[in-house]
Amino acid sequence: MTEEAQLPSPSNETPSPFKNLTGAAIAATLATGLYAFTNMVAHKLATAPLQTTNTLANRLSTLVRTVLLALGSGITMIFAVIALGLVLLTLKQVFTAIFSKPQDL
């Protein structure tokens, strides 16, 4: 096995605004869905009382509930920030293309 896989080299060109906005739409859709899911889980966990009087079980269930909500909120925020960043990158590219001086060749 002396042959190596021929992988295409990454291009150095910047992505188009259309690709940026497509990625932003995907990230915003995921963030919105995860936000709705996290709210549903938070509501279900808040309305479901614990059925035990054991202190250790209460602490463990509180820990698990907290971790679930923290992960859901964190992942939601990550996708929301990605969507916002892609929109801002698109605006920067558009304004740069509009206001840049033509290059002398």
N, C-alpha and C. Protein backbone atom coordinates (compact mmCIF):
# COMPACT_ATOMS: atom_id res chain seq x y z
N MET A 1 0.82 -1.17 0.00
CA MET A 1 0.00 0.00 0.00
C MET A 1 0.86 1.24 0.00
N THR A 2 1.51 1.47 -1.08
CA THR A 2 2.34 2.66 -1.19
C THR A 2 1.59 3.81 -1.83
N GLU A 3 0.39 3.54 -2.33
CA GLU A 3 -0.39 4.60 -2.96
C GLU A 3 -1.08 5.45 -1.89
N GLU A 4 -1.07 6.73 -2.12
CA GLU A 4 -1.75 7.64 -1.20
C GLU A 4 -3.00 8.17 -1.87
N ALA A 5 -3.97 8.48 -1.08
CA ALA A 5 -5.22 9.03 -1.61
C ALA A 5 -4.97 10.43 -2.15
N GLN A 6 -5.49 10.70 -3.30
CA GLN A 6 -5.36 12.01 -3.91
C GLN A 6 -6.55 12.87 -3.49
N LEU A 7 -6.36 13.67 -2.45
CA LEU A 7 -7.42 14.53 -1.97
C LEU A 7 -7.33 15.88 -2.67
N PRO A 8 -8.46 16.45 -3.00
CA PRO A 8 -8.41 17.77 -3.63
C PRO A 8 -7.94 18.81 -2.63
N SER A 9 -7.12 19.73 -3.10
CA SER A 9 -6.62 20.77 -2.20
C SER A 9 -7.71 21.80 -1.96
N PRO A 10 -7.78 22.33 -0.75
CA PRO A 10 -8.80 23.34 -0.47
C PRO A 10 -8.52 24.62 -1.25
N SER A 11 -9.58 25.21 -1.75
CA SER A 11 -9.41 26.42 -2.54
C SER A 11 -9.25 27.62 -1.62
N ASN A 12 -8.56 28.62 -2.09
CA ASN A 12 -8.30 29.82 -1.29
C ASN A 12 -9.31 30.92 -1.57
N GLU A 13 -10.29 30.67 -2.41
CA GLU A 13 -11.26 31.69 -2.72
C GLU A 13 -12.32 31.76 -1.63
N THR A 14 -12.85 32.96 -1.42
CA THR A 14 -13.87 33.12 -0.38
C THR A 14 -15.21 32.62 -0.89
N PRO A 15 -16.03 32.10 0.00
CA PRO A 15 -17.33 31.61 -0.43
C PRO A 15 -18.23 32.76 -0.91
N SER A 16 -19.14 32.44 -1.77
CA SER A 16 -20.04 33.46 -2.31
C SER A 16 -21.08 33.84 -1.26
N PRO A 17 -21.67 35.02 -1.38
CA PRO A 17 -22.72 35.41 -0.44
C PRO A 17 -23.91 34.45 -0.45
N PHE A 18 -24.20 33.86 -1.60
CA PHE A 18 -25.30 32.89 -1.66
C PHE A 18 -25.01 31.68 -0.78
N LYS A 19 -23.78 31.18 -0.84
CA LYS A 19 -23.40 30.04 0.01
C LYS A 19 -23.45 30.42 1.48
N ASN A 20 -23.01 31.65 1.79
CA ASN A 20 -23.06 32.12 3.17
C ASN A 20 -24.49 32.17 3.68
N LEU A 21 -25.39 32.72 2.87
CA LEU A 21 -26.78 32.84 3.30
C LEU A 21 -27.48 31.49 3.38
N THR A 22 -27.07 30.56 2.52
CA THR A 22 -27.61 29.21 2.61
C THR A 22 -27.19 28.54 3.92
N GLY A 23 -25.92 28.68 4.26
CA GLY A 23 -25.44 28.15 5.54
C GLY A 23 -26.08 28.83 6.73
N ALA A 24 -26.31 30.13 6.62
CA ALA A 24 -26.97 30.86 7.70
C ALA A 24 -28.41 30.38 7.87
N ALA A 25 -29.09 30.13 6.76
CA ALA A 25 -30.47 29.64 6.84
C ALA A 25 -30.52 28.26 7.50
N ILE A 26 -29.57 27.41 7.14
CA ILE A 26 -29.53 26.07 7.74
C ILE A 26 -29.25 26.17 9.24
N ALA A 27 -28.26 26.98 9.62
CA ALA A 27 -27.92 27.13 11.03
C ALA A 27 -29.07 27.76 11.81
N ALA A 28 -29.75 28.74 11.23
CA ALA A 28 -30.88 29.38 11.92
C ALA A 28 -32.04 28.41 12.08
N THR A 29 -32.26 27.55 11.09
CA THR A 29 -33.31 26.55 11.20
C THR A 29 -33.00 25.56 12.31
N LEU A 30 -31.75 25.11 12.37
CA LEU A 30 -31.35 24.20 13.44
C LEU A 30 -31.46 24.87 14.81
N ALA A 31 -31.06 26.13 14.89
CA ALA A 31 -31.14 26.85 16.17
C ALA A 31 -32.59 27.01 16.61
N THR A 32 -33.48 27.31 15.67
CA THR A 32 -34.89 27.46 16.02
C THR A 32 -35.49 26.14 16.48
N GLY A 33 -35.19 25.08 15.78
CA GLY A 33 -35.68 23.76 16.18
C GLY A 33 -35.14 23.33 17.54
N LEU A 34 -33.86 23.56 17.76
CA LEU A 34 -33.28 23.21 19.06
C LEU A 34 -33.84 24.08 20.19
N TYR A 35 -34.13 25.34 19.88
CA TYR A 35 -34.74 26.22 20.88
C TYR A 35 -36.12 25.70 21.28
N ALA A 36 -36.92 25.31 20.30
CA ALA A 36 -38.25 24.76 20.59
C ALA A 36 -38.14 23.46 21.38
N PHE A 37 -37.19 22.62 20.99
CA PHE A 37 -37.00 21.35 21.71
C PHE A 37 -36.54 21.58 23.15
N THR A 38 -35.61 22.51 23.34
CA THR A 38 -35.13 22.81 24.69
C THR A 38 -36.25 23.38 25.56
N ASN A 39 -37.08 24.24 24.98
CA ASN A 39 -38.21 24.77 25.74
C ASN A 39 -39.20 23.67 26.12
N MET A 40 -39.44 22.73 25.19
CA MET A 40 -40.34 21.63 25.49
C MET A 40 -39.79 20.76 26.62
N VAL A 41 -38.49 20.46 26.56
CA VAL A 41 -37.87 19.65 27.60
C VAL A 41 -37.90 20.38 28.94
N ALA A 42 -37.63 21.67 28.94
CA ALA A 42 -37.66 22.45 30.18
C ALA A 42 -39.06 22.45 30.77
N HIS A 43 -40.07 22.59 29.93
CA HIS A 43 -41.45 22.59 30.42
C HIS A 43 -41.80 21.22 31.00
N LYS A 44 -41.44 20.16 30.29
CA LYS A 44 -41.75 18.81 30.78
C LYS A 44 -41.04 18.52 32.11
N LEU A 45 -39.78 18.93 32.21
CA LEU A 45 -39.04 18.68 33.44
C LEU A 45 -39.56 19.53 34.60
N ALA A 46 -40.03 20.73 34.30
CA ALA A 46 -40.55 21.59 35.36
C ALA A 46 -41.90 21.11 35.89
N THR A 47 -42.69 20.51 35.04
CA THR A 47 -44.02 20.07 35.47
C THR A 47 -44.03 18.64 36.01
N ALA A 48 -42.96 17.91 35.85
CA ALA A 48 -42.90 16.53 36.34
C ALA A 48 -42.16 16.50 37.67
N PRO A 49 -42.89 16.33 38.76
CA PRO A 49 -42.22 16.29 40.07
C PRO A 49 -41.47 14.97 40.25
N LEU A 50 -40.49 15.00 41.12
CA LEU A 50 -39.74 13.78 41.41
C LEU A 50 -40.57 12.89 42.31
N GLN A 51 -40.49 11.58 42.10
CA GLN A 51 -41.32 10.63 42.82
C GLN A 51 -40.59 9.95 43.97
N THR A 52 -39.50 10.53 44.42
CA THR A 52 -38.71 9.89 45.47
C THR A 52 -38.40 10.88 46.58
N THR A 53 -38.14 10.33 47.75
CA THR A 53 -37.71 11.18 48.87
C THR A 53 -36.24 10.96 49.19
N ASN A 54 -35.57 10.13 48.41
CA ASN A 54 -34.17 9.84 48.61
C ASN A 54 -33.34 11.07 48.20
N THR A 55 -32.46 11.52 49.09
CA THR A 55 -31.67 12.72 48.84
C THR A 55 -30.71 12.53 47.68
N LEU A 56 -30.05 11.39 47.63
CA LEU A 56 -29.11 11.13 46.54
C LEU A 56 -29.82 11.09 45.19
N ALA A 57 -30.97 10.46 45.13
CA ALA A 57 -31.74 10.41 43.88
C ALA A 57 -32.19 11.80 43.46
N ASN A 58 -32.58 12.62 44.43
CA ASN A 58 -32.98 13.99 44.12
C ASN A 58 -31.82 14.79 43.55
N ARG A 59 -30.65 14.66 44.14
CA ARG A 59 -29.49 15.40 43.66
C ARG A 59 -29.05 14.93 42.28
N LEU A 60 -29.08 13.62 42.06
CA LEU A 60 -28.70 13.10 40.74
C LEU A 60 -29.69 13.53 39.66
N SER A 61 -30.97 13.50 39.98
CA SER A 61 -31.95 13.91 38.99
C SER A 61 -31.85 15.41 38.70
N THR A 62 -31.55 16.19 39.72
CA THR A 62 -31.34 17.62 39.50
C THR A 62 -30.12 17.85 38.62
N LEU A 63 -29.07 17.10 38.84
CA LEU A 63 -27.86 17.20 38.02
C LEU A 63 -28.15 16.83 36.57
N VAL A 64 -28.88 15.75 36.35
CA VAL A 64 -29.20 15.32 34.99
C VAL A 64 -30.09 16.35 34.30
N ARG A 65 -31.06 16.89 35.00
CA ARG A 65 -31.93 17.92 34.41
C ARG A 65 -31.12 19.16 34.04
N THR A 66 -30.22 19.56 34.91
CA THR A 66 -29.40 20.74 34.65
C THR A 66 -28.49 20.52 33.44
N VAL A 67 -27.89 19.36 33.35
CA VAL A 67 -27.01 19.05 32.23
C VAL A 67 -27.79 19.02 30.92
N LEU A 68 -28.99 18.44 30.93
CA LEU A 68 -29.81 18.40 29.71
C LEU A 68 -30.15 19.81 29.23
N LEU A 69 -30.56 20.66 30.13
CA LEU A 69 -30.93 22.02 29.74
C LEU A 69 -29.71 22.83 29.33
N ALA A 70 -28.58 22.63 30.00
CA ALA A 70 -27.36 23.36 29.64
C ALA A 70 -26.87 22.94 28.26
N LEU A 71 -26.90 21.67 27.95
CA LEU A 71 -26.48 21.20 26.63
C LEU A 71 -27.41 21.73 25.54
N GLY A 72 -28.71 21.64 25.79
CA GLY A 72 -29.66 22.14 24.80
C GLY A 72 -29.50 23.63 24.56
N SER A 73 -29.33 24.40 25.62
CA SER A 73 -29.15 25.85 25.47
C SER A 73 -27.82 26.17 24.80
N GLY A 74 -26.78 25.46 25.16
CA GLY A 74 -25.46 25.71 24.57
C GLY A 74 -25.43 25.42 23.09
N ILE A 75 -25.98 24.29 22.69
CA ILE A 75 -25.99 23.93 21.27
C ILE A 75 -26.85 24.90 20.48
N THR A 76 -27.98 25.31 21.07
CA THR A 76 -28.84 26.30 20.42
C THR A 76 -28.07 27.60 20.19
N MET A 77 -27.35 28.04 21.20
CA MET A 77 -26.60 29.30 21.10
C MET A 77 -25.48 29.19 20.06
N ILE A 78 -24.83 28.05 19.98
CA ILE A 78 -23.77 27.87 18.99
C ILE A 78 -24.31 28.03 17.58
N PHE A 79 -25.43 27.38 17.27
CA PHE A 79 -26.01 27.49 15.93
C PHE A 79 -26.51 28.90 15.65
N ALA A 80 -27.05 29.58 16.66
CA ALA A 80 -27.52 30.95 16.48
C ALA A 80 -26.35 31.89 16.18
N VAL A 81 -25.24 31.72 16.88
CA VAL A 81 -24.07 32.57 16.65
C VAL A 81 -23.47 32.28 15.27
N ILE A 82 -23.47 31.04 14.85
CA ILE A 82 -22.97 30.70 13.52
C ILE A 82 -23.83 31.37 12.45
N ALA A 83 -25.15 31.31 12.62
CA ALA A 83 -26.04 31.96 11.65
C ALA A 83 -25.80 33.47 11.60
N LEU A 84 -25.67 34.09 12.76
CA LEU A 84 -25.42 35.53 12.81
C LEU A 84 -24.07 35.87 12.16
N GLY A 85 -23.06 35.08 12.44
CA GLY A 85 -21.74 35.31 11.85
C GLY A 85 -21.75 35.19 10.34
N LEU A 86 -22.48 34.22 9.81
CA LEU A 86 -22.54 34.07 8.36
C LEU A 86 -23.29 35.23 7.70
N VAL A 87 -24.32 35.73 8.35
CA VAL A 87 -25.04 36.89 7.81
C VAL A 87 -24.12 38.11 7.82
N LEU A 88 -23.39 38.31 8.92
CA LEU A 88 -22.47 39.44 8.99
C LEU A 88 -21.34 39.31 7.96
N LEU A 89 -20.85 38.09 7.74
CA LEU A 89 -19.84 37.88 6.71
C LEU A 89 -20.37 38.22 5.32
N THR A 90 -21.62 37.87 5.06
CA THR A 90 -22.24 38.21 3.78
C THR A 90 -22.34 39.72 3.61
N LEU A 91 -22.78 40.41 4.67
CA LEU A 91 -22.87 41.87 4.59
C LEU A 91 -21.50 42.49 4.34
N LYS A 92 -20.48 41.97 4.99
CA LYS A 92 -19.12 42.49 4.78
C LYS A 92 -18.67 42.27 3.34
N GLN A 93 -18.93 41.09 2.81
CA GLN A 93 -18.53 40.81 1.43
C GLN A 93 -19.27 41.71 0.45
N VAL A 94 -20.56 41.94 0.69
CA VAL A 94 -21.33 42.79 -0.22
C VAL A 94 -20.84 44.23 -0.16
N PHE A 95 -20.63 44.76 1.06
CA PHE A 95 -20.16 46.13 1.18
C PHE A 95 -18.74 46.29 0.63
N THR A 96 -17.90 45.28 0.79
CA THR A 96 -16.55 45.33 0.24
C THR A 96 -16.61 45.35 -1.28
N ALA A 97 -17.49 44.55 -1.86
CA ALA A 97 -17.62 44.50 -3.32
C ALA A 97 -18.17 45.82 -3.87
N ILE A 98 -19.06 46.45 -3.12
CA ILE A 98 -19.65 47.71 -3.60
C ILE A 98 -18.68 48.86 -3.48
N PHE A 99 -18.01 48.98 -2.34
CA PHE A 99 -17.20 50.15 -2.07
C PHE A 99 -15.71 49.99 -2.36
N SER A 100 -15.28 48.85 -2.87
CA SER A 100 -13.86 48.68 -3.16
C SER A 100 -13.50 49.37 -4.47
N LYS A 101 -12.29 49.88 -4.50
CA LYS A 101 -11.80 50.53 -5.71
C LYS A 101 -11.37 49.47 -6.71
N PRO A 102 -11.57 49.70 -7.99
CA PRO A 102 -11.13 48.72 -8.99
C PRO A 102 -9.61 48.61 -8.98
N GLN A 103 -9.12 47.41 -9.13
CA GLN A 103 -7.70 47.14 -9.14
C GLN A 103 -7.11 47.44 -10.53
N ASP A 104 -5.95 48.08 -10.54
CA ASP A 104 -5.25 48.31 -11.81
C ASP A 104 -4.47 47.06 -12.17
N LEU A 105 -4.62 46.62 -13.40
CA LEU A 105 -3.94 45.41 -13.84
C LEU A 105 -2.70 45.72 -14.57
